[in-house]
Amino acid sequence: MTMSYTLLMTITTATDGINSLSFTSDGRYLASASNDKVVRIFDLERKFTTAWEFKGLSEFTSVAWIGWDLLAGFIDGDLLLFSSIGHWIFRPQQQVFHEFFVPIVLIQISQLGSQILIHSGSDIAVLGKNGNLILTLEGECRSQA
């Protein structure tokens, strides 16, 4: 079986390298994490216009959707949770969801959304949906109190 894809558009808004991309489950929004310290959300139904963006204090290394909320990892090891409150045009709430000692390389959400896998340096951590640390493989993690 051969699959065929067509280029829809090239996005050129980041001023530095893009480290991670993630689609929402319905394919309407695309989130990006980049070295220009910005997380962006693009609305694909509106020709990839920027629906929302957040400027951080350091580079973003990874992004992943958990339902309609967005997790974003920083190069300094912070894992932020942006809660959409129903729509990304409005300003979402933000909180530090968890802290690690080294840059977050990968965020992966389980299929049911109940567990979050984080790869951070030599650390591999599994978090519950509430941010509680379930399991750590290699290395050390510290929890946000």
Protein backbone atom coordinates (compact mmCIF):
# COMPACT_ATOMS: atom_id res chain seq x y z
CA MET A 1 0.00 0.00 0.00
CA THR A 2 1.47 3.33 -1.09
CA MET A 3 0.52 6.51 0.75
CA SER A 4 0.64 9.88 -0.95
CA TYR A 5 0.93 13.26 0.76
CA THR A 6 0.69 16.80 -0.59
CA LEU A 7 2.48 19.87 0.78
CA LEU A 8 -0.23 22.20 2.13
CA MET A 9 1.92 25.07 3.34
CA THR A 10 5.34 25.94 4.74
CA ILE A 11 5.25 27.76 8.08
CA THR A 12 8.04 30.32 8.49
CA THR A 13 7.14 32.24 11.68
CA ALA A 14 9.86 30.91 14.00
CA THR A 15 13.00 33.05 14.02
CA ASP A 16 15.15 30.09 15.09
CA GLY A 17 14.96 26.30 14.80
CA ILE A 18 11.77 24.38 15.58
CA ASN A 19 12.35 21.54 18.03
CA SER A 20 8.94 19.87 18.22
CA LEU A 21 5.53 19.78 16.54
CA SER A 22 2.25 18.23 17.68
CA PHE A 23 -1.25 18.04 16.17
CA THR A 24 -4.45 18.04 18.22
CA SER A 25 -6.34 14.75 18.02
CA ASP A 26 -8.84 16.27 15.56
CA GLY A 27 -6.06 17.74 13.38
CA ARG A 28 -7.31 21.33 13.61
CA TYR A 29 -4.39 22.83 15.55
CA LEU A 30 -0.64 22.41 15.27
CA ALA A 31 1.62 23.39 18.19
CA SER A 32 5.32 24.20 17.76
CA ALA A 33 8.19 24.58 20.23
CA SER A 34 11.20 26.54 19.06
CA ASN A 35 14.58 27.98 19.95
CA ASP A 36 13.18 31.53 19.70
CA LYS A 37 11.58 30.90 23.15
CA VAL A 38 8.05 30.77 21.71
CA VAL A 39 5.34 28.13 21.72
CA ARG A 40 2.88 28.73 18.89
CA ILE A 41 -0.47 27.24 17.99
CA PHE A 42 -1.52 27.35 14.35
CA ASP A 43 -5.12 27.00 13.18
CA LEU A 44 -5.05 24.72 10.15
CA GLU A 45 -8.65 25.51 9.18
CA ARG A 46 -7.63 29.16 8.84
CA LYS A 47 -4.67 28.63 6.52
CA PHE A 48 -2.15 28.00 9.32
CA THR A 49 -2.68 31.39 10.95
CA THR A 50 -1.23 31.81 14.42
CA ALA A 51 -4.09 31.28 16.88
CA TRP A 52 -1.96 31.80 20.00
CA GLU A 53 1.64 32.17 21.11
CA PHE A 54 3.56 32.33 24.38
CA LYS A 55 7.02 33.84 24.83
CA GLY A 56 9.04 32.04 27.52
CA LEU A 57 12.28 32.89 29.30
CA SER A 58 14.26 30.12 27.59
CA GLU A 59 14.04 27.83 24.56
CA PHE A 60 11.16 25.38 24.25
CA THR A 61 12.26 21.86 23.41
CA SER A 62 9.04 19.84 23.10
CA VAL A 63 5.24 20.05 22.93
CA ALA A 64 2.39 17.53 23.25
CA TRP A 65 -1.38 17.80 23.49
CA ILE A 66 -3.29 16.16 26.32
CA GLY A 67 -6.90 16.62 25.26
CA TRP A 68 -7.27 20.37 24.62
CA ASP A 69 -4.46 21.29 27.00
CA LEU A 70 -0.87 21.69 25.87
CA LEU A 71 2.29 20.50 27.62
CA ALA A 72 5.50 22.32 26.72
CA GLY A 73 9.03 21.46 27.83
CA PHE A 74 11.80 24.01 28.38
CA ILE A 75 15.52 23.63 27.87
CA ASP A 76 15.90 24.39 31.62
CA GLY A 77 13.80 21.31 32.52
CA ASP A 78 10.45 22.92 33.40
CA LEU A 79 7.32 21.27 32.06
CA LEU A 80 4.52 23.81 31.57
CA LEU A 81 0.83 23.03 31.24
CA PHE A 82 -1.32 25.48 29.29
CA SER A 83 -5.02 24.93 30.01
CA SER A 84 -7.13 26.15 27.11
CA ILE A 85 -10.36 26.69 29.01
CA GLY A 86 -12.23 25.67 25.89
CA HIS A 87 -10.62 27.85 23.23
CA TRP A 88 -7.10 29.00 22.29
CA ILE A 89 -8.09 32.49 21.19
CA PHE A 90 -8.59 33.39 24.84
CA ARG A 91 -5.58 33.53 27.15
CA PRO A 92 -5.02 30.04 28.58
CA GLN A 93 -3.99 29.44 32.17
CA GLN A 94 -0.40 28.33 32.66
CA GLN A 95 1.33 26.44 35.45
CA VAL A 96 4.60 24.60 36.03
CA PHE A 97 3.41 21.01 35.86
CA HIS A 98 6.72 19.36 36.85
CA GLU A 99 10.44 20.25 37.08
CA PHE A 100 13.41 18.23 35.86
CA PHE A 101 17.15 18.92 36.19
CA VAL A 102 17.96 18.91 32.45
CA PRO A 103 16.26 19.80 29.14
CA ILE A 104 13.07 17.97 28.24
CA VAL A 105 13.69 16.09 25.01
CA LEU A 106 10.38 14.32 24.46
CA ILE A 107 6.82 14.41 25.78
CA GLN A 108 4.56 11.47 24.89
CA ILE A 109 0.96 11.03 26.06
CA SER A 110 -0.57 7.55 26.52
CA GLN A 111 -3.46 6.75 24.21
CA LEU A 112 -6.05 7.21 26.98
CA GLY A 113 -4.32 10.37 28.26
CA SER A 114 -3.81 9.00 31.77
CA GLN A 115 0.01 8.84 31.67
CA ILE A 116 2.69 11.19 30.40
CA LEU A 117 6.12 9.90 29.38
CA ILE A 118 8.96 12.42 29.68
CA HIS A 119 12.49 11.97 28.37
CA SER A 120 14.77 14.50 30.05
CA GLY A 121 18.52 13.98 29.62
CA SER A 122 19.21 10.55 31.12
CA ASP A 123 15.89 10.62 33.00
CA ILE A 124 12.83 8.75 31.81
CA ALA A 125 9.80 9.62 33.91
CA VAL A 126 6.17 8.57 33.83
CA LEU A 127 3.75 11.10 35.31
CA GLY A 128 0.09 10.70 36.15
CA LYS A 129 -2.40 13.11 34.60
CA ASN A 130 -2.27 15.17 37.82
CA GLY A 131 1.52 15.58 37.57
CA ASN A 132 2.43 13.00 40.23
CA LEU A 133 5.57 11.03 39.48
CA ILE A 134 4.67 7.36 38.90
CA LEU A 135 8.02 5.95 37.78
CA THR A 136 11.58 7.13 37.13
CA LEU A 137 14.10 5.15 35.08
CA GLU A 138 17.73 6.27 35.41
CA GLY A 139 18.65 9.61 36.91
CA GLU A 140 16.84 11.89 39.29
CA CYS A 141 13.62 13.93 39.07
CA ARG A 142 12.31 16.44 41.56
CA SER A 143 8.62 17.15 41.98
CA GLN A 144 7.01 20.59 42.08
CA ALA A 145 5.47 20.95 45.57
